């Protein structure tokens, strides 16, 4: 795996966590809305509706488990990538940290670090080369 793909793993994991959080929240809101409307009904909930609600709760529990697993994976990837970036020398390590851990885009990294676009591109390539070396030897 090349340096760029290796470093992007955390961003991918973070996006997965955010997607699962959104799905979980939507499922929870659906369950809550069904509960709220049932509270105001004078007619008892039919068994079919009750079964559908139970299925939603089971799906919510499954989503919660997937979310927990995704968060653990993201945390572990983040720690591993930080350890790798900490081995990168000089400002290149700082640039990689800002991009791949703080999840900034390269323009934001350039502005933050007071580099031109061309300068940040050189620094990025230098950092990637060091990460490639770290990955090959370790």
C-alpha atoms as a PDB file:
ATOM      1  CA  UNK A   1       0.000   0.000   0.000  1.00  0.00           C
ATOM      2  CA  UNK A   2       1.372   3.413  -0.895  1.00  0.00           C
ATOM      3  CA  UNK A   3       1.739   6.228   1.630  1.00  0.00           C
ATOM      4  CA  UNK A   4      -1.243   8.247   0.427  1.00  0.00           C
ATOM      5  CA  UNK A   5      -3.628   5.278   0.573  1.00  0.00           C
ATOM      6  CA  UNK A   6      -2.252   4.234   3.961  1.00  0.00           C
ATOM      7  CA  UNK A   7      -2.732   7.718   5.410  1.00  0.00           C
ATOM      8  CA  UNK A   8      -6.246   8.068   3.972  1.00  0.00           C
ATOM      9  CA  UNK A   9      -7.470   5.026   5.898  1.00  0.00           C
ATOM     10  CA  UNK A  10      -8.340   7.170   8.923  1.00  0.00           C
ATOM     11  CA  UNK A  11     -10.350   9.633   6.843  1.00  0.00           C
ATOM     12  CA  UNK A  12     -12.249   6.708   5.298  1.00  0.00           C
ATOM     13  CA  UNK A  13     -12.909   5.241   8.760  1.00  0.00           C
ATOM     14  CA  UNK A  14     -14.050   8.631  10.065  1.00  0.00           C
ATOM     15  CA  UNK A  15     -16.495   9.014   7.156  1.00  0.00           C
ATOM     16  CA  UNK A  16     -17.858   5.527   7.869  1.00  0.00           C
ATOM     17  CA  UNK A  17     -18.430   6.452  11.523  1.00  0.00           C
ATOM     18  CA  UNK A  18     -20.253   9.636  10.520  1.00  0.00           C
ATOM     19  CA  UNK A  19     -22.442   7.725   8.047  1.00  0.00           C
ATOM     20  CA  UNK A  20     -23.321   5.103  10.665  1.00  0.00           C
ATOM     21  CA  UNK A  21     -24.037   7.831  13.243  1.00  0.00           C
ATOM     22  CA  UNK A  22     -26.433   9.441  10.783  1.00  0.00           C
ATOM     23  CA  UNK A  23     -28.158   6.127  10.060  1.00  0.00           C
ATOM     24  CA  UNK A  24     -28.447   5.413  13.790  1.00  0.00           C
ATOM     25  CA  UNK A  25     -29.905   8.851  14.472  1.00  0.00           C
ATOM     26  CA  UNK A  26     -32.468   8.470  11.664  1.00  0.00           C
ATOM     27  CA  UNK A  27     -33.528   5.050  12.948  1.00  0.00           C
ATOM     28  CA  UNK A  28     -33.822   6.416  16.500  1.00  0.00           C
ATOM     29  CA  UNK A  29     -35.936   9.341  15.283  1.00  0.00           C
ATOM     30  CA  UNK A  30     -38.228   6.948  13.425  1.00  0.00           C
ATOM     31  CA  UNK A  31     -38.709   4.836  16.534  1.00  0.00           C
ATOM     32  CA  UNK A  32     -39.332   7.938  18.646  1.00  0.00           C
ATOM     33  CA  UNK A  33     -41.865   9.312  16.166  1.00  0.00           C
ATOM     34  CA  UNK A  34     -43.789   6.035  16.134  1.00  0.00           C
ATOM     35  CA  UNK A  35     -43.784   5.977  19.952  1.00  0.00           C
ATOM     36  CA  UNK A  36     -45.003   9.580  20.079  1.00  0.00           C
ATOM     37  CA  UNK A  37     -47.839   8.987  17.649  1.00  0.00           C
ATOM     38  CA  UNK A  38     -48.857   5.825  19.544  1.00  0.00           C
ATOM     39  CA  UNK A  39     -49.067   7.834  22.778  1.00  0.00           C
ATOM     40  CA  UNK A  40     -51.737  10.069  21.237  1.00  0.00           C
ATOM     41  CA  UNK A  41     -53.798   7.326  19.640  1.00  0.00           C
ATOM     42  CA  UNK A  42     -56.930   6.233  21.418  1.00  0.00           C
ATOM     43  CA  UNK A  43     -56.797   2.979  19.486  1.00  0.00           C
ATOM     44  CA  UNK A  44     -54.453   0.337  20.886  1.00  0.00           C
ATOM     45  CA  UNK A  45     -51.445  -0.533  18.720  1.00  0.00           C
ATOM     46  CA  UNK A  46     -52.192  -3.516  16.558  1.00  0.00           C
ATOM     47  CA  UNK A  47     -49.902  -6.524  16.850  1.00  0.00           C
ATOM     48  CA  UNK A  48     -48.593  -5.853  13.342  1.00  0.00           C
ATOM     49  CA  UNK A  49     -47.531  -2.331  14.289  1.00  0.00           C
ATOM     50  CA  UNK A  50     -46.011  -3.614  17.504  1.00  0.00           C
ATOM     51  CA  UNK A  51     -44.014  -6.211  15.570  1.00  0.00           C
ATOM     52  CA  UNK A  52     -42.770  -3.549  13.139  1.00  0.00           C
ATOM     53  CA  UNK A  53     -41.661  -1.407  16.080  1.00  0.00           C
ATOM     54  CA  UNK A  54     -39.832  -4.372  17.637  1.00  0.00           C
ATOM     55  CA  UNK A  55     -38.041  -4.948  14.309  1.00  0.00           C
ATOM     56  CA  UNK A  56     -37.001  -1.284  14.226  1.00  0.00           C
ATOM     57  CA  UNK A  57     -35.579  -1.612  17.736  1.00  0.00           C
ATOM     58  CA  UNK A  58     -33.615  -4.693  16.702  1.00  0.00           C
ATOM     59  CA  UNK A  59     -32.261  -2.822  13.648  1.00  0.00           C
ATOM     60  CA  UNK A  60     -31.303   0.054  15.921  1.00  0.00           C
ATOM     61  CA  UNK A  61     -29.388  -2.313  18.207  1.00  0.00           C
ATOM     62  CA  UNK A  62     -27.601  -3.770  15.170  1.00  0.00           C
ATOM     63  CA  UNK A  63     -26.691  -0.280  13.963  1.00  0.00           C
ATOM     64  CA  UNK A  64     -25.408   0.583  17.440  1.00  0.00           C
ATOM     65  CA  UNK A  65     -23.124  -2.458  17.368  1.00  0.00           C
ATOM     66  CA  UNK A  66     -21.830  -1.611  13.881  1.00  0.00           C
ATOM     67  CA  UNK A  67     -21.249   1.969  14.991  1.00  0.00           C
ATOM     68  CA  UNK A  68     -19.307   0.825  18.047  1.00  0.00           C
ATOM     69  CA  UNK A  69     -17.118  -1.450  15.894  1.00  0.00           C
ATOM     70  CA  UNK A  70     -16.512   1.336  13.366  1.00  0.00           C
ATOM     71  CA  UNK A  71     -15.497   3.753  16.135  1.00  0.00           C
ATOM     72  CA  UNK A  72     -13.034   1.238  17.571  1.00  0.00           C
ATOM     73  CA  UNK A  73     -11.557   0.652  14.112  1.00  0.00           C
ATOM     74  CA  UNK A  74     -11.238   4.410  13.518  1.00  0.00           C
ATOM     75  CA  UNK A  75      -9.522   4.929  16.878  1.00  0.00           C
ATOM     76  CA  UNK A  76      -7.054   2.119  16.220  1.00  0.00           C
ATOM     77  CA  UNK A  77      -6.268   3.388  12.708  1.00  0.00           C
ATOM     78  CA  UNK A  78      -5.836   6.924  14.027  1.00  0.00           C
ATOM     79  CA  UNK A  79      -3.357   5.769  16.682  1.00  0.00           C
ATOM     80  CA  UNK A  80      -1.392   3.699  14.155  1.00  0.00           C
ATOM     81  CA  UNK A  81      -1.243   6.521  11.611  1.00  0.00           C
ATOM     82  CA  UNK A  82      -0.232   9.080  14.248  1.00  0.00           C
ATOM     83  CA  UNK A  83       2.597   6.770  15.299  1.00  0.00           C
ATOM     84  CA  UNK A  84       3.741   6.587  11.676  1.00  0.00           C
ATOM     85  CA  UNK A  85       3.442  10.344  11.111  1.00  0.00           C
ATOM     86  CA  UNK A  86       5.430  10.985  14.310  1.00  0.00           C
ATOM     87  CA  UNK A  87       8.365   9.255  12.598  1.00  0.00           C
ATOM     88  CA  UNK A  88       8.278  11.715   9.681  1.00  0.00           C
ATOM     89  CA  UNK A  89      10.938  14.388  10.054  1.00  0.00           C
ATOM     90  CA  UNK A  90      10.432  18.135  10.040  1.00  0.00           C
ATOM     91  CA  UNK A  91       7.528  20.129   8.723  1.00  0.00           C
ATOM     92  CA  UNK A  92       6.477  17.274   6.464  1.00  0.00           C
ATOM     93  CA  UNK A  93       5.173  15.419   9.520  1.00  0.00           C
ATOM     94  CA  UNK A  94       3.208  18.480  10.612  1.00  0.00           C
ATOM     95  CA  UNK A  95       1.679  18.792   7.144  1.00  0.00           C
ATOM     96  CA  UNK A  96       0.685  15.123   7.086  1.00  0.00           C
ATOM     97  CA  UNK A  97      -0.799  15.373  10.583  1.00  0.00           C
ATOM     98  CA  UNK A  98      -2.924  18.375   9.591  1.00  0.00           C
ATOM     99  CA  UNK A  99      -4.142  16.672   6.423  1.00  0.00           C
ATOM    100  CA  UNK A 100      -4.702  13.088   7.538  1.00  0.00           C
ATOM    101  CA  UNK A 101      -5.485  13.395  11.260  1.00  0.00           C
ATOM    102  CA  UNK A 102      -7.056  16.840  11.557  1.00  0.00           C
ATOM    103  CA  UNK A 103      -8.713  16.127   8.173  1.00  0.00           C
ATOM    104  CA  UNK A 104      -7.898  19.502   6.646  1.00  0.00           C
ATOM    105  CA  UNK A 105      -7.623  19.954   2.889  1.00  0.00           C
ATOM    106  CA  UNK A 106      -4.252  20.829   1.364  1.00  0.00           C
ATOM    107  CA  UNK A 107      -5.204  24.484   0.844  1.00  0.00           C
ATOM    108  CA  UNK A 108      -6.052  24.827   4.546  1.00  0.00           C
ATOM    109  CA  UNK A 109      -2.783  23.102   5.470  1.00  0.00           C
ATOM    110  CA  UNK A 110      -0.823  25.492   3.232  1.00  0.00           C
ATOM    111  CA  UNK A 111      -2.488  28.553   4.784  1.00  0.00           C
ATOM    112  CA  UNK A 112      -2.055  27.246   8.342  1.00  0.00           C
ATOM    113  CA  UNK A 113       1.611  26.474   7.793  1.00  0.00           C
ATOM    114  CA  UNK A 114       2.247  29.652   5.748  1.00  0.00           C
ATOM    115  CA  UNK A 115       3.286  27.762   2.604  1.00  0.00           C
ATOM    116  CA  UNK A 116       2.520  28.489  -1.025  1.00  0.00           C
ATOM    117  CA  UNK A 117       0.582  25.892  -2.993  1.00  0.00           C
ATOM    118  CA  UNK A 118       3.788  24.728  -4.677  1.00  0.00           C
ATOM    119  CA  UNK A 119       5.596  24.623  -1.347  1.00  0.00           C
ATOM    120  CA  UNK A 120       2.954  22.491   0.328  1.00  0.00           C
ATOM    121  CA  UNK A 121       2.980  20.110  -2.657  1.00  0.00           C
ATOM    122  CA  UNK A 122       6.741  19.609  -2.263  1.00  0.00           C
ATOM    123  CA  UNK A 123       6.358  19.103   1.480  1.00  0.00           C
ATOM    124  CA  UNK A 124       3.527  16.617   0.921  1.00  0.00           C
ATOM    125  CA  UNK A 125       5.617  14.559  -1.517  1.00  0.00           C
ATOM    126  CA  UNK A 126       8.553  14.615   0.891  1.00  0.00           C
ATOM    127  CA  UNK A 127       6.265  13.367   3.676  1.00  0.00           C
ATOM    128  CA  UNK A 128       4.770  10.649   1.485  1.00  0.00           C
ATOM    129  CA  UNK A 129       8.272   9.451   0.557  1.00  0.00           C
ATOM    130  CA  UNK A 130       9.184   9.187   4.239  1.00  0.00           C
ATOM    131  CA  UNK A 131       5.982   7.284   5.015  1.00  0.00           C
ATOM    132  CA  UNK A 132       6.665   4.914   2.105  1.00  0.00           C
ATOM    133  CA  UNK A 133      10.118   4.259   3.581  1.00  0.00           C
ATOM    134  CA  UNK A 134       8.672   3.715   7.081  1.00  0.00           C
ATOM    135  CA  UNK A 135       6.069   1.271   5.734  1.00  0.00           C
ATOM    136  CA  UNK A 136       8.639  -0.708   3.734  1.00  0.00           C
ATOM    137  CA  UNK A 137      11.064  -1.128   6.590  1.00  0.00           C
ATOM    138  CA  UNK A 138       8.479  -1.889   9.242  1.00  0.00           C
END
